[in-house]
Amino acid sequence: MKLLSGLLVLMAVLPAMAQDRRLDCTRQGQMPKTWEGLAFAMDGNTIAGIGLKAPIRLWGIRAPELRDKDGQETVLGMRARAALEDMLTAGEHKVSCRVSHWDSTCRLVAQCTVTAEWPTGSKAQSHDLALRLVEDGLAYGFRLDEALAWDKDAGAKIAHFEVLARQARKGLWPSWLGER
């Protein structure tokens, strides 16, 4: 009986806690629908925009953590961050983002692009940062079931390129798969 009453209390409290977390994000300001500006890599899947209070987590991916539990930088995290920073540099740090929602740590979650020449010497075109990181084996798909209203195929594209990168053992996949 105590277990049942404890569960009922928990069920009543959790929605309120989730609501409180959403309210905390309002301290970052109103969530923009889009954002364009200069940005720099914070880690392998997060960028900081100049003049933007909240950092932006790239939609649909997860990259290795930049720091371990002891605060020490990790090699895999530094490689992912460096790759993202290289992509931003190629686009002169000019980023265009479509914002989806807040995450649980009050970062904006967005699909972001840069316009750059890839591969070098090709005509400049728009590149989805998250998709490029997955394609290069420096990130993997994350919460792909959270569909984007403006790009219904985004999750499928990321999943497809993740499979290709994993099969080709590109980027960080040898380490992730435990290979030496």
Foldseek 3Di string as FASTA:
>chain_A
DVVVVVVVVVVVVVVVVVVVLQVVLCVQPDDDQKDKAAWAFPWLFWIDGVPGSAIEGEPFKDFDDQADPVRHGDPLGVVSRVVLRVQCVQLVRIKMWGFDQADSVSHTYTFMWGWGDPPPPHHTDIDGSLLVCLLQVRIATDPLVSADPVCRCPSVSRNVSNVVCLVVVGDCNCVVVVHD
